[in-house]
Amino acid sequence: MILFGPPGAGKGTHGPKIEDKLGIPQLSTGDMLRAAVAEGTEIGKKAKGLMAAGKLVGDDIVIGIIKDRIQQSDCDTGFILDGFPRTLPQAKAVDALLAESGECVNSVMSLEVPDAVLEERICGRWSVSTLFCPASSGSTLSGPRGAQDPQEERALVPRQVRAAEVDGRRRADEGQHEGRRDGRGPDAAAGRHR
């Protein structure tokens, strides 16, 4: 299965629910990438070098990480890809990967959310600051847990995302996804079908 949707559509919220219901793992490419780097795999080392240099991790590396991950036993009966593929060339690469073992995508879910809701969700996200610096007494910002993470004793601050950037990224993603909404079977990969 594959989950499509722009940032803020709810893939991270609904994915675990689907995962529990179907008994198959949700595979976030970001999580897999961080795990490969932490484990020091060959692909992880390549990704770490690119990230350290401030470069984007290429599709070939992401496909390699997916290939390694789906060989684990918890993926024997299927998996949910979240966050990849995002473009038609990526989808074709994942299709080719699955075809190597005679498999293909068996379902795709596209989460569609109104633009105003996406903007509110993205611009309203909070993250943990690396330095503890409580909001000034005149601040009107209030985030989860009173703008402080009590476990880490670090401030929670709004993510620095401009609405125009969010909208531009979302529209770019939408344009790249259009080719996969044409109903032509597995042109993106994410599940096991035997």
N, C-alpha and C. Protein backbone atom coordinates (compact mmCIF):
# COMPACT_ATOMS: atom_id res chain seq x y z
N MET A 1 0.85 -1.18 0.00
CA MET A 1 0.00 0.00 0.00
C MET A 1 0.89 1.23 0.00
N ILE A 2 0.38 2.25 -0.63
CA ILE A 2 1.09 3.53 -0.60
C ILE A 2 0.13 4.61 -0.14
N LEU A 3 0.64 5.52 0.68
CA LEU A 3 -0.12 6.68 1.12
C LEU A 3 0.39 7.90 0.37
N PHE A 4 -0.50 8.54 -0.37
CA PHE A 4 -0.19 9.79 -1.05
C PHE A 4 -0.81 10.93 -0.28
N GLY A 5 -0.22 12.08 -0.40
CA GLY A 5 -0.82 13.28 0.17
C GLY A 5 0.24 14.32 0.42
N PRO A 6 -0.14 15.57 0.34
CA PRO A 6 0.82 16.64 0.58
C PRO A 6 1.20 16.71 2.05
N PRO A 7 2.26 17.43 2.38
CA PRO A 7 2.61 17.62 3.79
C PRO A 7 1.41 18.18 4.56
N GLY A 8 1.11 17.58 5.68
CA GLY A 8 -0.01 18.03 6.50
C GLY A 8 -1.32 17.33 6.21
N ALA A 9 -1.35 16.41 5.24
CA ALA A 9 -2.60 15.74 4.89
C ALA A 9 -3.02 14.70 5.93
N GLY A 10 -2.07 14.20 6.71
CA GLY A 10 -2.42 13.23 7.74
C GLY A 10 -1.84 11.85 7.53
N LYS A 11 -0.84 11.73 6.66
CA LYS A 11 -0.23 10.42 6.44
C LYS A 11 0.35 9.86 7.73
N GLY A 12 1.02 10.70 8.50
CA GLY A 12 1.62 10.26 9.75
C GLY A 12 0.59 9.95 10.83
N THR A 13 -0.59 10.51 10.70
CA THR A 13 -1.67 10.25 11.66
C THR A 13 -2.42 8.97 11.30
N HIS A 14 -2.77 8.83 10.04
CA HIS A 14 -3.58 7.68 9.61
C HIS A 14 -2.76 6.43 9.34
N GLY A 15 -1.49 6.61 8.98
CA GLY A 15 -0.63 5.46 8.69
C GLY A 15 -0.57 4.44 9.82
N PRO A 16 -0.32 4.86 11.06
CA PRO A 16 -0.27 3.90 12.15
C PRO A 16 -1.59 3.18 12.39
N LYS A 17 -2.71 3.85 12.12
CA LYS A 17 -4.02 3.20 12.28
C LYS A 17 -4.19 2.10 11.24
N ILE A 18 -3.78 2.41 10.01
CA ILE A 18 -3.85 1.42 8.93
C ILE A 18 -2.89 0.27 9.24
N GLU A 19 -1.71 0.62 9.74
CA GLU A 19 -0.70 -0.36 10.11
C GLU A 19 -1.27 -1.35 11.13
N ASP A 20 -1.92 -0.84 12.16
CA ASP A 20 -2.51 -1.70 13.18
C ASP A 20 -3.62 -2.57 12.61
N LYS A 21 -4.46 -1.99 11.78
CA LYS A 21 -5.59 -2.72 11.21
C LYS A 21 -5.14 -3.84 10.28
N LEU A 22 -4.12 -3.58 9.45
CA LEU A 22 -3.68 -4.57 8.47
C LEU A 22 -2.54 -5.46 8.97
N GLY A 23 -1.90 -5.04 10.05
CA GLY A 23 -0.80 -5.84 10.59
C GLY A 23 0.46 -5.81 9.73
N ILE A 24 0.65 -4.70 9.01
CA ILE A 24 1.85 -4.53 8.18
C ILE A 24 2.52 -3.22 8.58
N PRO A 25 3.84 -3.12 8.45
CA PRO A 25 4.53 -1.91 8.90
C PRO A 25 4.37 -0.72 7.97
N GLN A 26 4.31 0.45 8.58
CA GLN A 26 4.35 1.71 7.84
C GLN A 26 5.81 2.10 7.71
N LEU A 27 6.26 2.31 6.49
CA LEU A 27 7.65 2.63 6.24
C LEU A 27 7.79 4.07 5.79
N SER A 28 8.24 4.90 6.67
CA SER A 28 8.51 6.30 6.36
C SER A 28 9.93 6.38 5.82
N THR A 29 10.09 6.99 4.66
CA THR A 29 11.42 7.07 4.08
C THR A 29 12.36 7.86 4.98
N GLY A 30 11.84 8.88 5.63
CA GLY A 30 12.69 9.66 6.55
C GLY A 30 13.20 8.81 7.69
N ASP A 31 12.30 8.01 8.28
CA ASP A 31 12.70 7.12 9.38
C ASP A 31 13.70 6.07 8.90
N MET A 32 13.44 5.50 7.71
CA MET A 32 14.35 4.48 7.18
C MET A 32 15.73 5.07 6.90
N LEU A 33 15.75 6.29 6.39
CA LEU A 33 17.02 6.96 6.09
C LEU A 33 17.81 7.19 7.38
N ARG A 34 17.14 7.71 8.41
CA ARG A 34 17.83 7.95 9.69
C ARG A 34 18.33 6.64 10.29
N ALA A 35 17.53 5.57 10.18
CA ALA A 35 17.95 4.27 10.71
C ALA A 35 19.16 3.73 9.97
N ALA A 36 19.18 3.86 8.64
CA ALA A 36 20.31 3.37 7.85
C ALA A 36 21.59 4.12 8.21
N VAL A 37 21.46 5.42 8.43
CA VAL A 37 22.62 6.22 8.82
C VAL A 37 23.10 5.77 10.21
N ALA A 38 22.15 5.63 11.14
CA ALA A 38 22.50 5.23 12.52
C ALA A 38 23.13 3.84 12.56
N GLU A 39 22.64 2.92 11.71
CA GLU A 39 23.16 1.55 11.69
C GLU A 39 24.48 1.45 10.94
N GLY A 40 24.83 2.48 10.18
CA GLY A 40 26.08 2.48 9.45
C GLY A 40 26.10 1.54 8.26
N THR A 41 24.93 1.30 7.64
CA THR A 41 24.89 0.44 6.46
C THR A 41 25.61 1.14 5.31
N GLU A 42 25.93 0.40 4.27
CA GLU A 42 26.61 1.00 3.11
C GLU A 42 25.78 2.15 2.53
N ILE A 43 24.48 1.90 2.36
CA ILE A 43 23.60 2.94 1.84
C ILE A 43 23.53 4.10 2.83
N GLY A 44 23.46 3.78 4.11
CA GLY A 44 23.42 4.81 5.15
C GLY A 44 24.66 5.69 5.14
N LYS A 45 25.82 5.09 4.89
CA LYS A 45 27.06 5.87 4.82
C LYS A 45 27.04 6.83 3.64
N LYS A 46 26.51 6.38 2.51
CA LYS A 46 26.40 7.26 1.34
C LYS A 46 25.47 8.42 1.65
N ALA A 47 24.33 8.11 2.28
CA ALA A 47 23.35 9.14 2.62
C ALA A 47 23.94 10.14 3.61
N LYS A 48 24.68 9.64 4.59
CA LYS A 48 25.27 10.50 5.62
C LYS A 48 26.24 11.49 4.98
N GLY A 49 27.04 11.02 4.04
CA GLY A 49 27.99 11.89 3.36
C GLY A 49 27.29 13.01 2.59
N LEU A 50 26.20 12.66 1.91
CA LEU A 50 25.46 13.68 1.17
C LEU A 50 24.82 14.69 2.10
N MET A 51 24.21 14.18 3.18
CA MET A 51 23.55 15.08 4.12
C MET A 51 24.56 16.00 4.80
N ALA A 52 25.71 15.46 5.14
CA ALA A 52 26.75 16.27 5.79
C ALA A 52 27.24 17.39 4.87
N ALA A 53 27.20 17.12 3.56
CA ALA A 53 27.61 18.12 2.58
C ALA A 53 26.47 19.07 2.21
N GLY A 54 25.30 18.86 2.84
CA GLY A 54 24.15 19.72 2.57
C GLY A 54 23.46 19.42 1.26
N LYS A 55 23.66 18.20 0.75
CA LYS A 55 23.05 17.82 -0.53
C LYS A 55 21.84 16.94 -0.29
N LEU A 56 20.97 16.89 -1.29
CA LEU A 56 19.81 16.01 -1.22
C LEU A 56 20.23 14.57 -1.43
N VAL A 57 19.54 13.67 -0.76
CA VAL A 57 19.79 12.24 -0.94
C VAL A 57 19.06 11.83 -2.21
N GLY A 58 19.79 11.23 -3.14
CA GLY A 58 19.24 10.86 -4.44
C GLY A 58 18.27 9.69 -4.38
N ASP A 59 17.46 9.59 -5.43
CA ASP A 59 16.47 8.52 -5.52
C ASP A 59 17.12 7.14 -5.44
N ASP A 60 18.30 6.98 -6.03
CA ASP A 60 18.95 5.67 -6.02
C ASP A 60 19.26 5.22 -4.59
N ILE A 61 19.63 6.16 -3.74
CA ILE A 61 19.91 5.82 -2.35
C ILE A 61 18.62 5.47 -1.61
N VAL A 62 17.58 6.25 -1.84
CA VAL A 62 16.30 5.98 -1.18
C VAL A 62 15.77 4.62 -1.63
N ILE A 63 15.86 4.33 -2.92
CA ILE A 63 15.41 3.02 -3.42
C ILE A 63 16.23 1.91 -2.75
N GLY A 64 17.52 2.12 -2.59
CA GLY A 64 18.37 1.13 -1.92
C GLY A 64 17.95 0.91 -0.48
N ILE A 65 17.59 1.97 0.21
CA ILE A 65 17.13 1.85 1.60
C ILE A 65 15.82 1.09 1.65
N ILE A 66 14.92 1.39 0.72
CA ILE A 66 13.64 0.67 0.67
C ILE A 66 13.90 -0.80 0.38
N LYS A 67 14.78 -1.08 -0.57
CA LYS A 67 15.09 -2.47 -0.93
C LYS A 67 15.60 -3.24 0.29
N ASP A 68 16.51 -2.63 1.04
CA ASP A 68 17.02 -3.30 2.25
C ASP A 68 15.92 -3.52 3.27
N ARG A 69 15.09 -2.49 3.46
CA ARG A 69 14.07 -2.56 4.52
C ARG A 69 12.98 -3.59 4.22
N ILE A 70 12.53 -3.69 2.97
CA ILE A 70 11.41 -4.59 2.67
C ILE A 70 11.83 -6.06 2.65
N GLN A 71 13.13 -6.31 2.80
CA GLN A 71 13.59 -7.69 2.91
C GLN A 71 13.48 -8.22 4.34
N GLN A 72 13.17 -7.33 5.28
CA GLN A 72 13.01 -7.77 6.67
C GLN A 72 11.70 -8.53 6.82
N SER A 73 11.66 -9.47 7.76
CA SER A 73 10.54 -10.39 7.90
C SER A 73 9.20 -9.72 8.18
N ASP A 74 9.20 -8.56 8.82
CA ASP A 74 7.91 -7.92 9.11
C ASP A 74 7.23 -7.39 7.85
N CYS A 75 7.95 -7.39 6.72
CA CYS A 75 7.38 -6.94 5.44
C CYS A 75 6.95 -8.12 4.56
N ASP A 76 7.05 -9.34 5.08
CA ASP A 76 6.73 -10.51 4.26
C ASP A 76 5.31 -10.49 3.70
N THR A 77 4.36 -9.96 4.46
CA THR A 77 2.97 -9.94 4.00
C THR A 77 2.53 -8.58 3.48
N GLY A 78 3.44 -7.62 3.46
CA GLY A 78 3.11 -6.31 2.92
C GLY A 78 3.70 -5.18 3.73
N PHE A 79 3.51 -3.99 3.24
CA PHE A 79 3.99 -2.80 3.93
C PHE A 79 3.30 -1.58 3.36
N ILE A 80 3.39 -0.48 4.09
CA ILE A 80 2.82 0.79 3.67
C ILE A 80 3.98 1.76 3.47
N LEU A 81 4.09 2.30 2.27
CA LEU A 81 5.11 3.33 2.03
C LEU A 81 4.49 4.70 2.26
N ASP A 82 5.15 5.50 3.05
CA ASP A 82 4.69 6.84 3.42
C ASP A 82 5.79 7.84 3.08
N GLY A 83 5.51 8.72 2.14
CA GLY A 83 6.48 9.76 1.80
C GLY A 83 7.32 9.47 0.57
N PHE A 84 7.11 8.34 -0.03
CA PHE A 84 7.85 7.96 -1.23
C PHE A 84 7.07 6.87 -1.93
N PRO A 85 6.91 6.93 -3.21
CA PRO A 85 7.45 7.88 -4.17
C PRO A 85 6.64 9.17 -4.20
N ARG A 86 7.29 10.24 -4.63
CA ARG A 86 6.65 11.55 -4.77
C ARG A 86 6.59 11.99 -6.23
N THR A 87 7.38 11.35 -7.08
CA THR A 87 7.40 11.73 -8.50
C THR A 87 7.20 10.47 -9.34
N LEU A 88 6.84 10.67 -10.58
CA LEU A 88 6.65 9.53 -11.48
C LEU A 88 7.94 8.72 -11.67
N PRO A 89 9.11 9.35 -11.86
CA PRO A 89 10.34 8.54 -11.97
C PRO A 89 10.61 7.70 -10.71
N GLN A 90 10.32 8.25 -9.53
CA GLN A 90 10.49 7.49 -8.30
C GLN A 90 9.53 6.30 -8.28
N ALA A 91 8.29 6.54 -8.70
CA ALA A 91 7.29 5.48 -8.73
C ALA A 91 7.72 4.35 -9.67
N LYS A 92 8.25 4.72 -10.82
CA LYS A 92 8.71 3.70 -11.76
C LYS A 92 9.88 2.91 -11.19
N ALA A 93 10.76 3.59 -10.44
CA ALA A 93 11.90 2.91 -9.82
C ALA A 93 11.43 1.91 -8.77
N VAL A 94 10.43 2.28 -8.00
CA VAL A 94 9.92 1.36 -6.97
C VAL A 94 9.16 0.22 -7.64
N ASP A 95 8.43 0.51 -8.71
CA ASP A 95 7.77 -0.55 -9.47
C ASP A 95 8.79 -1.58 -9.95
N ALA A 96 9.90 -1.08 -10.49
CA ALA A 96 10.95 -1.98 -10.98
C ALA A 96 11.54 -2.80 -9.84
N LEU A 97 11.71 -2.19 -8.69
CA LEU A 97 12.22 -2.90 -7.51
C LEU A 97 11.28 -4.04 -7.14
N LEU A 98 9.99 -3.78 -7.07
CA LEU A 98 9.04 -4.83 -6.71
C LEU A 98 8.95 -5.90 -7.79
N ALA A 99 9.06 -5.49 -9.05
CA ALA A 99 8.97 -6.45 -10.15
C ALA A 99 10.09 -7.48 -10.10
N GLU A 100 11.24 -7.10 -9.52
CA GLU A 100 12.35 -8.05 -9.39
C GLU A 100 11.94 -9.32 -8.66
N SER A 101 10.97 -9.19 -7.75
CA SER A 101 10.52 -10.36 -6.99
C SER A 101 9.09 -10.75 -7.37
N GLY A 102 8.62 -10.28 -8.52
CA GLY A 102 7.29 -10.65 -9.01
C GLY A 102 6.15 -10.00 -8.23
N GLU A 103 6.43 -8.87 -7.61
CA GLU A 103 5.40 -8.21 -6.80
C GLU A 103 5.01 -6.88 -7.42
N CYS A 104 3.90 -6.33 -6.93
CA CYS A 104 3.44 -5.03 -7.41
C CYS A 104 2.58 -4.36 -6.34
N VAL A 105 2.24 -3.12 -6.59
CA VAL A 105 1.36 -2.38 -5.69
C VAL A 105 -0.04 -2.98 -5.78
N ASN A 106 -0.69 -3.11 -4.62
CA ASN A 106 -2.06 -3.61 -4.67
C ASN A 106 -3.08 -2.59 -4.19
N SER A 107 -2.64 -1.49 -3.59
CA SER A 107 -3.57 -0.43 -3.22
C SER A 107 -2.83 0.89 -3.00
N VAL A 108 -3.55 1.96 -3.29
CA VAL A 108 -3.02 3.31 -3.12
C VAL A 108 -4.11 4.14 -2.45
N MET A 109 -3.72 4.91 -1.44
CA MET A 109 -4.67 5.80 -0.77
C MET A 109 -4.14 7.22 -0.89
N SER A 110 -4.99 8.09 -1.43
CA SER A 110 -4.61 9.49 -1.59
C SER A 110 -5.41 10.32 -0.59
N LEU A 111 -4.71 11.00 0.30
CA LEU A 111 -5.36 11.86 1.28
C LEU A 111 -5.45 13.26 0.71
N GLU A 112 -6.66 13.76 0.56
CA GLU A 112 -6.86 15.08 -0.01
C GLU A 112 -7.51 15.98 1.03
N VAL A 113 -6.89 17.12 1.24
CA VAL A 113 -7.29 18.05 2.28
C VAL A 113 -7.36 19.45 1.68
N PRO A 114 -8.36 20.26 2.05
CA PRO A 114 -8.43 21.63 1.51
C PRO A 114 -7.17 22.43 1.82
N ASP A 115 -6.82 23.32 0.89
CA ASP A 115 -5.60 24.13 1.03
C ASP A 115 -5.53 24.87 2.35
N ALA A 116 -6.62 25.48 2.77
CA ALA A 116 -6.61 26.27 4.01
C ALA A 116 -6.29 25.40 5.22
N VAL A 117 -6.78 24.17 5.22
CA VAL A 117 -6.51 23.26 6.33
C VAL A 117 -5.04 22.84 6.32
N LEU A 118 -4.50 22.56 5.14
CA LEU A 118 -3.09 22.20 5.04
C LEU A 118 -2.20 23.32 5.57
N GLU A 119 -2.50 24.54 5.15
CA GLU A 119 -1.69 25.68 5.59
C GLU A 119 -1.76 25.83 7.10
N GLU A 120 -2.95 25.70 7.67
CA GLU A 120 -3.10 25.81 9.12
C GLU A 120 -2.32 24.71 9.84
N ARG A 121 -2.39 23.50 9.32
CA ARG A 121 -1.68 22.38 9.96
C ARG A 121 -0.16 22.57 9.90
N ILE A 122 0.34 22.90 8.72
CA ILE A 122 1.79 23.04 8.55
C ILE A 122 2.32 24.23 9.34
N CYS A 123 1.66 25.36 9.24
CA CYS A 123 2.14 26.55 9.93
C CYS A 123 1.92 26.46 11.43
N GLY A 124 1.09 25.55 11.88
CA GLY A 124 0.82 25.40 13.30
C GLY A 124 1.66 24.31 13.96
N ARG A 125 2.55 23.69 13.20
CA ARG A 125 3.38 22.63 13.78
C ARG A 125 4.43 23.23 14.71
N TRP A 126 4.76 22.48 15.76
CA TRP A 126 5.74 22.91 16.74
C TRP A 126 6.90 21.93 16.74
N SER A 127 8.04 22.40 17.11
CA SER A 127 9.20 21.52 17.25
C SER A 127 9.97 21.92 18.49
N VAL A 128 10.85 21.03 18.92
CA VAL A 128 11.63 21.28 20.13
C VAL A 128 12.86 22.09 19.75
N SER A 129 13.07 23.19 20.47
CA SER A 129 14.24 24.03 20.26
C SER A 129 15.46 23.32 20.81
N THR A 130 16.61 23.56 20.19
CA THR A 130 17.83 22.92 20.69
C THR A 130 18.34 23.60 21.95
N LEU A 131 17.89 24.80 22.19
CA LEU A 131 18.30 25.51 23.40
C LEU A 131 17.06 25.85 24.21
N PHE A 132 17.15 25.74 25.52
CA PHE A 132 16.01 26.11 26.34
C PHE A 132 15.99 27.62 26.49
N CYS A 133 14.95 28.22 25.98
CA CYS A 133 14.79 29.66 26.12
C CYS A 133 13.30 29.95 26.23
N PRO A 134 12.79 30.05 27.45
CA PRO A 134 11.36 30.26 27.65
C PRO A 134 10.88 31.53 26.95
N ALA A 135 9.63 31.48 26.54
CA ALA A 135 9.05 32.65 25.87
C ALA A 135 9.04 33.83 26.83
N SER A 136 9.22 35.01 26.27
CA SER A 136 9.21 36.21 27.12
C SER A 136 7.81 36.42 27.68
N SER A 137 7.71 37.20 28.73
CA SER A 137 6.41 37.41 29.37
C SER A 137 5.42 38.09 28.43
N GLY A 138 5.92 38.81 27.43
CA GLY A 138 5.03 39.48 26.49
C GLY A 138 4.64 38.63 25.30
N SER A 139 5.13 37.41 25.23
CA SER A 139 4.88 36.55 24.09
C SER A 139 3.44 36.08 24.05
N THR A 140 2.89 36.00 22.86
CA THR A 140 1.54 35.48 22.71
C THR A 140 1.57 34.04 22.22
N LEU A 141 2.75 33.49 22.02
CA LEU A 141 2.86 32.11 21.54
C LEU A 141 2.54 31.15 22.67
N SER A 142 1.71 30.19 22.36
CA SER A 142 1.48 29.13 23.34
C SER A 142 1.38 27.85 22.55
N GLY A 143 2.21 26.93 22.86
CA GLY A 143 2.24 25.67 22.15
C GLY A 143 1.87 24.55 23.06
N PRO A 144 2.03 23.34 22.60
CA PRO A 144 1.74 22.18 23.43
C PRO A 144 2.54 22.22 24.72
N ARG A 145 1.92 21.78 25.78
CA ARG A 145 2.57 21.69 27.10
C ARG A 145 3.15 23.04 27.54
N GLY A 146 2.46 24.11 27.28
CA GLY A 146 2.92 25.41 27.74
C GLY A 146 4.21 25.85 27.10
N ALA A 147 4.46 25.44 25.89
CA ALA A 147 5.64 25.82 25.12
C ALA A 147 6.94 25.32 25.73
N GLN A 148 6.87 24.24 26.49
CA GLN A 148 8.09 23.64 27.02
C GLN A 148 7.91 22.13 27.05
N ASP A 149 8.92 21.41 26.63
CA ASP A 149 8.91 19.96 26.69
C ASP A 149 9.48 19.58 28.06
N PRO A 150 8.64 19.10 28.98
CA PRO A 150 9.12 18.85 30.34
C PRO A 150 10.15 17.72 30.42
N GLN A 151 10.12 16.78 29.51
CA GLN A 151 11.09 15.68 29.56
C GLN A 151 12.48 16.14 29.16
N GLU A 152 12.55 17.04 28.22
CA GLU A 152 13.84 17.48 27.70
C GLU A 152 14.26 18.85 28.23
N GLU A 153 13.33 19.53 28.89
CA GLU A 153 13.58 20.89 29.37
C GLU A 153 14.08 21.79 28.24
N ARG A 154 13.41 21.66 27.12
CA ARG A 154 13.71 22.52 25.97
C ARG A 154 12.42 23.19 25.53
N ALA A 155 12.53 24.35 24.98
CA ALA A 155 11.36 25.10 24.54
C ALA A 155 10.76 24.48 23.29
N LEU A 156 9.43 24.51 23.21
CA LEU A 156 8.73 24.16 21.99
C LEU A 156 8.48 25.46 21.23
N VAL A 157 8.88 25.48 19.98
CA VAL A 157 8.76 26.70 19.18
C VAL A 157 8.05 26.38 17.88
N PRO A 158 7.34 27.37 17.31
CA PRO A 158 6.68 27.10 16.03
C PRO A 158 7.73 26.86 14.95
N ARG A 159 7.44 25.91 14.06
CA ARG A 159 8.37 25.66 12.96
C ARG A 159 8.41 26.89 12.07
N GLN A 160 9.57 27.17 11.55
CA GLN A 160 9.74 28.33 10.69
C GLN A 160 9.39 27.95 9.25
N VAL A 161 8.11 28.01 8.95
CA VAL A 161 7.63 27.68 7.62
C VAL A 161 6.75 28.82 7.15
N ARG A 162 7.04 29.34 5.99
CA ARG A 162 6.21 30.39 5.43
C ARG A 162 5.11 29.74 4.60
N ALA A 163 3.92 30.29 4.70
CA ALA A 163 2.76 29.73 4.00
C ALA A 163 3.01 29.61 2.51
N ALA A 164 3.66 30.58 1.92
CA ALA A 164 3.92 30.54 0.48
C ALA A 164 4.82 29.36 0.12
N GLU A 165 5.81 29.06 0.98
CA GLU A 165 6.69 27.93 0.71
C GLU A 165 5.91 26.62 0.81
N VAL A 166 5.05 26.53 1.83
CA VAL A 166 4.23 25.33 2.00
C VAL A 166 3.35 25.13 0.79
N ASP A 167 2.69 26.21 0.36
CA ASP A 167 1.79 26.13 -0.77
C ASP A 167 2.54 25.74 -2.03
N GLY A 168 3.73 26.32 -2.23
CA GLY A 168 4.52 26.00 -3.42
C GLY A 168 4.95 24.55 -3.44
N ARG A 169 5.40 24.03 -2.28
CA ARG A 169 5.82 22.62 -2.21
C ARG A 169 4.64 21.70 -2.45
N ARG A 170 3.49 22.06 -1.85
CA ARG A 170 2.31 21.22 -2.00
C ARG A 170 1.88 21.17 -3.45
N ARG A 171 1.85 22.32 -4.10
CA ARG A 171 1.43 22.35 -5.51
C ARG A 171 2.41 21.60 -6.40
N ALA A 172 3.69 21.68 -6.11
CA ALA A 172 4.69 20.94 -6.88
C ALA A 172 4.45 19.44 -6.71
N ASP A 173 4.19 19.01 -5.47
CA ASP A 173 3.91 17.60 -5.22
C ASP A 173 2.65 17.17 -5.95
N GLU A 174 1.60 18.01 -5.91
CA GLU A 174 0.36 17.66 -6.58
C GLU A 174 0.59 17.43 -8.06
N GLY A 175 1.36 18.31 -8.68
CA GLY A 175 1.64 18.18 -10.10
C GLY A 175 2.36 16.88 -10.42
N GLN A 176 3.24 16.46 -9.52
CA GLN A 176 3.98 15.23 -9.75
C GLN A 176 3.12 14.01 -9.46
N HIS A 177 2.12 14.16 -8.61
CA HIS A 177 1.25 13.03 -8.28
C HIS A 177 0.19 12.80 -9.34
N GLU A 178 -0.15 13.82 -10.12
CA GLU A 178 -1.23 13.70 -11.08
C GLU A 178 -1.06 12.49 -12.00
N GLY A 179 0.17 12.20 -12.39
CA GLY A 179 0.41 11.07 -13.27
C GLY A 179 0.06 9.74 -12.64
N ARG A 180 -0.05 9.68 -11.31
CA ARG A 180 -0.36 8.43 -10.64
C ARG A 180 -1.83 8.33 -10.28
N ARG A 181 -2.61 9.33 -10.60
CA ARG A 181 -4.04 9.28 -10.31
C ARG A 181 -4.82 8.86 -11.54
N ASP A 182 -4.14 8.30 -12.52
CA ASP A 182 -4.82 7.97 -13.76
C ASP A 182 -5.41 6.57 -13.77
N GLY A 183 -5.33 5.86 -12.65
CA GLY A 183 -5.95 4.56 -12.52
C GLY A 183 -5.24 3.43 -13.23
N ARG A 184 -4.01 3.61 -13.65
CA ARG A 184 -3.34 2.56 -14.42
C ARG A 184 -2.50 1.66 -13.52
N GLY A 185 -3.12 0.98 -12.62
CA GLY A 185 -2.42 -0.05 -11.84
C GLY A 185 -1.21 0.44 -11.09
N PRO A 186 -0.23 -0.45 -10.95
CA PRO A 186 0.91 -0.14 -10.09
C PRO A 186 1.97 0.72 -10.75
N ASP A 187 1.73 2.02 -10.75
CA ASP A 187 2.76 2.91 -11.27
C ASP A 187 3.45 3.62 -10.11
N ALA A 188 3.19 3.15 -8.90
CA ALA A 188 3.91 3.55 -7.70
C ALA A 188 3.94 2.30 -6.85
N ALA A 189 4.95 2.16 -6.02
CA ALA A 189 5.08 0.91 -5.32
C ALA A 189 4.92 1.08 -3.84
N ALA A 190 4.34 0.08 -3.19
CA ALA A 190 4.25 0.16 -1.74
C ALA A 190 3.78 -1.10 -1.08
N GLY A 191 3.20 -2.01 -1.75
CA GLY A 191 2.66 -3.17 -1.06
C GLY A 191 3.13 -4.45 -1.68
N ARG A 192 2.82 -5.54 -1.03
CA ARG A 192 3.17 -6.85 -1.57
C ARG A 192 1.93 -7.46 -2.19
N HIS A 193 2.07 -8.01 -3.34
CA HIS A 193 0.98 -8.72 -4.00
C HIS A 193 1.59 -9.95 -4.64
N ARG A 194 1.18 -11.08 -4.20
CA ARG A 194 1.75 -12.33 -4.72
C ARG A 194 0.75 -13.08 -5.53
